[in-house]
């Protein structure tokens, strides 16, 4: 583990319209590691991800990317510093082609670096190569999710935020998504994963945090959380996850 974490969040508080959504949230993602954030709907997971990526503004607390403070900076600057997000809901630009979506994800990359990154992404997603001229909105749900992740990888991030990447996908595609997460991690990119498929998330992650009511209620190594009776009863017991 590197001495400087890919992501260090300390006592993060987010308020919206007088309501406190996140309360004193602290977490760490080590360089090259996979960390998952688990919890029911409405506990603040997506708010956390949007705050980390600069969409929402923190009320207090700190966010450091590779040791550099990024809280309060605009999203495009955060992306340029090495953080990219594949948001919940497979948010692709439906009326643009697959190629145009990928080019947008590249940001300021140009020349040989762009070409090398473009080729790397298409090697990882050979199906997208076949669909480059196709409108993104005509892709299947699984294909759109791959495009969403591929677009995020076009910025060559140090840290990739994945928000519910398996949501609404068929089991076969879910397995492909989690195989992909393991592959991205093997390439050296750190990943923060928000996921309701708790069983799959804890298999691919090194460490996990469980959120309840905008707070971190439980944390530990993924293998330990898999055996924790509180996690098993709440998320793994008989639900098919």
Protein backbone atom coordinates (compact mmCIF):
# COMPACT_ATOMS: atom_id res chain seq x y z
CA UNK A 1 0.00 0.00 0.00
CA UNK A 2 1.30 3.44 -0.92
CA UNK A 3 2.02 5.91 1.89
CA UNK A 4 -0.27 8.41 0.13
CA UNK A 5 -3.77 7.08 -0.53
CA UNK A 6 -5.45 7.49 -3.90
CA UNK A 7 -8.38 9.01 -1.97
CA UNK A 8 -8.61 10.23 1.61
CA UNK A 9 -11.93 11.56 2.90
CA UNK A 10 -12.07 13.02 6.40
CA UNK A 11 -15.22 13.97 8.34
CA UNK A 12 -17.19 14.91 5.23
CA UNK A 13 -20.49 16.71 5.84
CA UNK A 14 -22.99 17.57 3.09
CA UNK A 15 -26.15 19.58 3.70
CA UNK A 16 -28.89 20.31 1.18
CA UNK A 17 -31.89 22.52 1.77
CA UNK A 18 -31.34 22.49 5.49
CA UNK A 19 -31.10 18.70 5.64
CA UNK A 20 -27.85 16.96 6.52
CA UNK A 21 -27.28 14.17 3.96
CA UNK A 22 -23.76 13.08 4.95
CA UNK A 23 -22.53 13.19 8.54
CA UNK A 24 -18.81 12.99 9.36
CA UNK A 25 -18.01 10.44 6.63
CA UNK A 26 -14.38 9.30 6.56
CA UNK A 27 -12.92 6.69 4.21
CA UNK A 28 -9.71 5.74 2.42
CA UNK A 29 -9.02 4.18 -0.98
CA UNK A 30 -5.41 2.96 -1.28
CA UNK A 31 -3.49 3.28 -4.52
CA UNK A 32 -4.47 0.41 -6.80
CA UNK A 33 -7.11 -0.90 -4.38
CA UNK A 34 -10.84 -1.55 -4.66
CA UNK A 35 -13.04 -0.20 -1.88
CA UNK A 36 -16.81 -0.62 -1.80
CA UNK A 37 -19.51 1.46 -0.11
CA UNK A 38 -22.62 -0.52 0.74
CA UNK A 39 -26.03 0.42 2.08
CA UNK A 40 -29.72 0.61 1.31
CA UNK A 41 -31.25 3.18 -1.03
CA UNK A 42 -31.34 6.71 0.32
CA UNK A 43 -28.48 6.46 2.83
CA UNK A 44 -26.25 8.93 0.97
CA UNK A 45 -24.07 6.77 -1.27
CA UNK A 46 -24.72 8.66 -4.50
CA UNK A 47 -24.46 11.99 -2.67
CA UNK A 48 -21.02 10.87 -1.51
CA UNK A 49 -19.94 10.03 -5.06
CA UNK A 50 -21.26 13.29 -6.49
CA UNK A 51 -19.50 15.28 -3.78
CA UNK A 52 -16.20 13.53 -4.45
CA UNK A 53 -16.47 14.31 -8.16
CA UNK A 54 -17.34 17.98 -7.58
CA UNK A 55 -21.00 17.92 -8.58
CA UNK A 56 -22.11 18.67 -5.02
CA UNK A 57 -20.26 20.92 -2.59
CA UNK A 58 -19.24 19.71 0.86
CA UNK A 59 -20.38 21.74 3.85
CA UNK A 60 -17.27 20.73 5.79
CA UNK A 61 -14.57 18.09 5.90
CA UNK A 62 -11.75 17.31 3.49
CA UNK A 63 -11.22 15.31 0.30
CA UNK A 64 -7.69 14.56 -0.91
CA UNK A 65 -6.80 12.88 -4.22
CA UNK A 66 -3.27 11.47 -4.03
CA UNK A 67 -2.58 13.88 -1.20
CA UNK A 68 -3.95 16.98 -2.95
CA UNK A 69 -7.04 18.73 -1.58
CA UNK A 70 -9.87 18.77 -4.14
CA UNK A 71 -12.96 19.68 -2.08
CA UNK A 72 -14.76 22.64 -3.63
CA UNK A 73 -13.01 22.42 -6.99
CA UNK A 74 -15.10 22.21 -10.18
CA UNK A 75 -15.64 18.80 -11.75
CA UNK A 76 -13.47 19.40 -14.82
CA UNK A 77 -10.47 20.25 -12.64
CA UNK A 78 -11.03 17.18 -10.50
CA UNK A 79 -11.12 15.02 -13.64
CA UNK A 80 -7.89 16.63 -14.84
CA UNK A 81 -6.27 15.72 -11.52
CA UNK A 82 -7.09 12.04 -12.02
CA UNK A 83 -10.60 11.25 -10.75
CA UNK A 84 -13.32 10.02 -13.10
CA UNK A 85 -16.84 8.81 -12.42
CA UNK A 86 -19.13 6.37 -14.19
CA UNK A 87 -22.42 7.64 -12.72
CA UNK A 88 -25.50 5.70 -11.70
CA UNK A 89 -28.02 5.05 -14.45
CA UNK A 90 -25.68 4.58 -17.43
CA UNK A 91 -25.65 8.26 -18.32
CA UNK A 92 -24.45 8.30 -21.91
CA UNK A 93 -25.07 11.02 -24.50
CA UNK A 94 -27.85 9.18 -26.33
CA UNK A 95 -27.89 11.25 -29.53
CA UNK A 96 -24.11 11.04 -29.99
CA UNK A 97 -22.18 8.11 -31.37
CA UNK A 98 -20.13 5.73 -29.28
CA UNK A 99 -16.97 7.32 -30.69
CA UNK A 100 -18.17 10.83 -29.78
CA UNK A 101 -18.98 9.70 -26.22
CA UNK A 102 -15.48 8.26 -25.82
CA UNK A 103 -13.83 11.38 -27.26
CA UNK A 104 -15.74 13.53 -24.76
CA UNK A 105 -14.37 11.42 -21.93
CA UNK A 106 -10.79 12.06 -23.03
CA UNK A 107 -10.90 15.71 -21.98
CA UNK A 108 -7.59 17.38 -22.79
CA UNK A 109 -5.87 14.22 -24.04
CA UNK A 110 -4.54 14.72 -27.56
CA UNK A 111 -2.19 13.29 -30.14
CA UNK A 112 -0.42 10.02 -29.40
CA UNK A 113 -1.62 9.91 -25.81
CA UNK A 114 -5.23 10.12 -26.99
CA UNK A 115 -4.71 7.45 -29.66
CA UNK A 116 -3.00 5.11 -27.18
CA UNK A 117 -5.79 5.58 -24.62
CA UNK A 118 -8.50 5.15 -27.25
CA UNK A 119 -6.90 1.89 -28.40
CA UNK A 120 -6.54 0.69 -24.80
CA UNK A 121 -10.21 1.31 -24.07
CA UNK A 122 -11.33 -0.47 -27.24
CA UNK A 123 -9.09 -3.43 -26.39
CA UNK A 124 -10.85 -3.62 -23.04
CA UNK A 125 -14.28 -3.20 -24.70
CA UNK A 126 -14.07 -4.93 -28.11
CA UNK A 127 -17.84 -4.67 -28.49
CA UNK A 128 -17.59 -0.88 -28.48
CA UNK A 129 -15.17 -1.01 -31.41
CA UNK A 130 -17.94 -2.68 -33.43
CA UNK A 131 -20.37 0.07 -32.38
CA UNK A 132 -18.23 3.20 -32.84
CA UNK A 133 -20.52 4.76 -35.44
CA UNK A 134 -23.73 3.75 -33.64
CA UNK A 135 -25.79 6.17 -31.57
CA UNK A 136 -25.27 5.50 -27.88
CA UNK A 137 -29.00 5.57 -27.18
CA UNK A 138 -29.52 2.52 -29.40
CA UNK A 139 -27.16 0.32 -27.34
CA UNK A 140 -28.44 -2.30 -24.91
CA UNK A 141 -28.30 -1.56 -21.18
CA UNK A 142 -25.13 -3.61 -20.75
CA UNK A 143 -23.48 -1.94 -23.73
CA UNK A 144 -24.37 1.50 -22.38
CA UNK A 145 -22.82 0.60 -19.03
CA UNK A 146 -19.62 -0.49 -20.77
CA UNK A 147 -19.61 2.77 -22.72
CA UNK A 148 -20.13 4.74 -19.52
CA UNK A 149 -17.14 3.02 -17.88
CA UNK A 150 -15.07 3.26 -21.07
CA UNK A 151 -15.75 6.98 -21.31
CA UNK A 152 -14.54 7.44 -17.73
CA UNK A 153 -11.37 5.45 -18.49
CA UNK A 154 -10.61 7.74 -21.45
CA UNK A 155 -9.30 10.34 -18.99
CA UNK A 156 -6.72 7.82 -17.70
CA UNK A 157 -7.90 8.25 -14.10
CA UNK A 158 -5.89 7.48 -11.01
CA UNK A 159 -9.19 6.81 -9.22
CA UNK A 160 -12.39 5.54 -10.82
CA UNK A 161 -15.76 6.04 -9.11
CA UNK A 162 -18.34 3.43 -10.08
CA UNK A 163 -21.91 4.14 -8.93
CA UNK A 164 -24.19 1.07 -9.13
CA UNK A 165 -22.57 -0.40 -12.28
CA UNK A 166 -24.65 -3.61 -12.18
CA UNK A 167 -28.03 -1.95 -11.59
CA UNK A 168 -30.78 -3.38 -13.81
CA UNK A 169 -28.48 -5.67 -15.80
CA UNK A 170 -28.92 -9.38 -16.59
CA UNK A 171 -26.83 -11.79 -14.47
CA UNK A 172 -24.53 -12.64 -17.39
CA UNK A 173 -23.76 -8.95 -17.94
CA UNK A 174 -23.30 -8.39 -14.20
CA UNK A 175 -20.56 -11.03 -14.19
CA UNK A 176 -18.88 -9.27 -17.12
CA UNK A 177 -19.01 -5.96 -15.25
CA UNK A 178 -17.37 -7.41 -12.15
CA UNK A 179 -14.74 -9.21 -14.23
CA UNK A 180 -14.07 -5.82 -15.81
CA UNK A 181 -13.68 -4.18 -12.39
CA UNK A 182 -11.07 -6.78 -11.44
CA UNK A 183 -9.28 -6.17 -14.74
CA UNK A 184 -9.22 -2.38 -14.29
CA UNK A 185 -7.82 -2.84 -10.80
CA UNK A 186 -5.14 -5.19 -12.16
CA UNK A 187 -4.07 -2.35 -14.47
CA UNK A 188 -3.29 -0.18 -11.44
CA UNK A 189 -6.37 2.06 -11.25
CA UNK A 190 -7.89 2.49 -7.79
CA UNK A 191 -11.67 2.04 -7.61
CA UNK A 192 -14.38 3.27 -5.26
CA UNK A 193 -17.45 1.13 -5.89
CA UNK A 194 -21.01 1.88 -4.75
CA UNK A 195 -23.05 -1.25 -5.32
CA UNK A 196 -26.25 -2.90 -4.08
CA UNK A 197 -25.08 -6.34 -5.24
CA UNK A 198 -23.35 -6.81 -1.91
CA UNK A 199 -22.12 -10.35 -2.49
CA UNK A 200 -20.40 -9.45 -5.77
CA UNK A 201 -19.03 -6.18 -4.38
CA UNK A 202 -17.41 -7.88 -1.38
CA UNK A 203 -15.84 -10.49 -3.66
CA UNK A 204 -14.07 -7.91 -5.81
CA UNK A 205 -13.23 -5.37 -3.09
CA UNK A 206 -10.37 -5.31 -0.59
CA UNK A 207 -12.19 -3.22 2.00
CA UNK A 208 -15.73 -2.06 2.58
CA UNK A 209 -17.80 0.58 4.34
CA UNK A 210 -21.48 0.21 5.24
CA UNK A 211 -23.51 3.42 5.31
CA UNK A 212 -26.66 3.99 7.33
CA UNK A 213 -28.44 7.31 7.59
CA UNK A 214 -25.62 9.29 6.01
CA UNK A 215 -22.96 7.87 8.31
CA UNK A 216 -20.41 5.07 8.18
CA UNK A 217 -21.96 2.44 10.45
CA UNK A 218 -19.49 -0.37 9.85
CA UNK A 219 -16.19 -0.92 8.06
CA UNK A 220 -13.56 -3.57 7.62
CA UNK A 221 -11.74 -5.88 5.20
CA UNK A 222 -14.16 -7.28 2.61
CA UNK A 223 -13.60 -10.88 3.73
CA UNK A 224 -14.42 -9.88 7.31
CA UNK A 225 -17.60 -8.04 6.28
CA UNK A 226 -18.77 -11.08 4.31
CA UNK A 227 -18.75 -13.06 7.56
CA UNK A 228 -20.11 -10.29 9.78
CA UNK A 229 -23.58 -11.33 11.01
CA UNK A 230 -24.87 -7.76 10.70
CA UNK A 231 -23.95 -7.68 7.01
CA UNK A 232 -25.17 -11.20 6.39
CA UNK A 233 -28.54 -10.53 8.03
CA UNK A 234 -29.07 -7.15 6.36
CA UNK A 235 -27.71 -7.80 2.86
CA UNK A 236 -26.82 -11.44 2.23
CA UNK A 237 -29.50 -13.47 3.94
CA UNK A 238 -31.74 -15.25 1.46
CA UNK A 239 -31.96 -12.28 -0.94
CA UNK A 240 -29.97 -13.88 -3.74
CA UNK A 241 -27.32 -11.14 -3.66
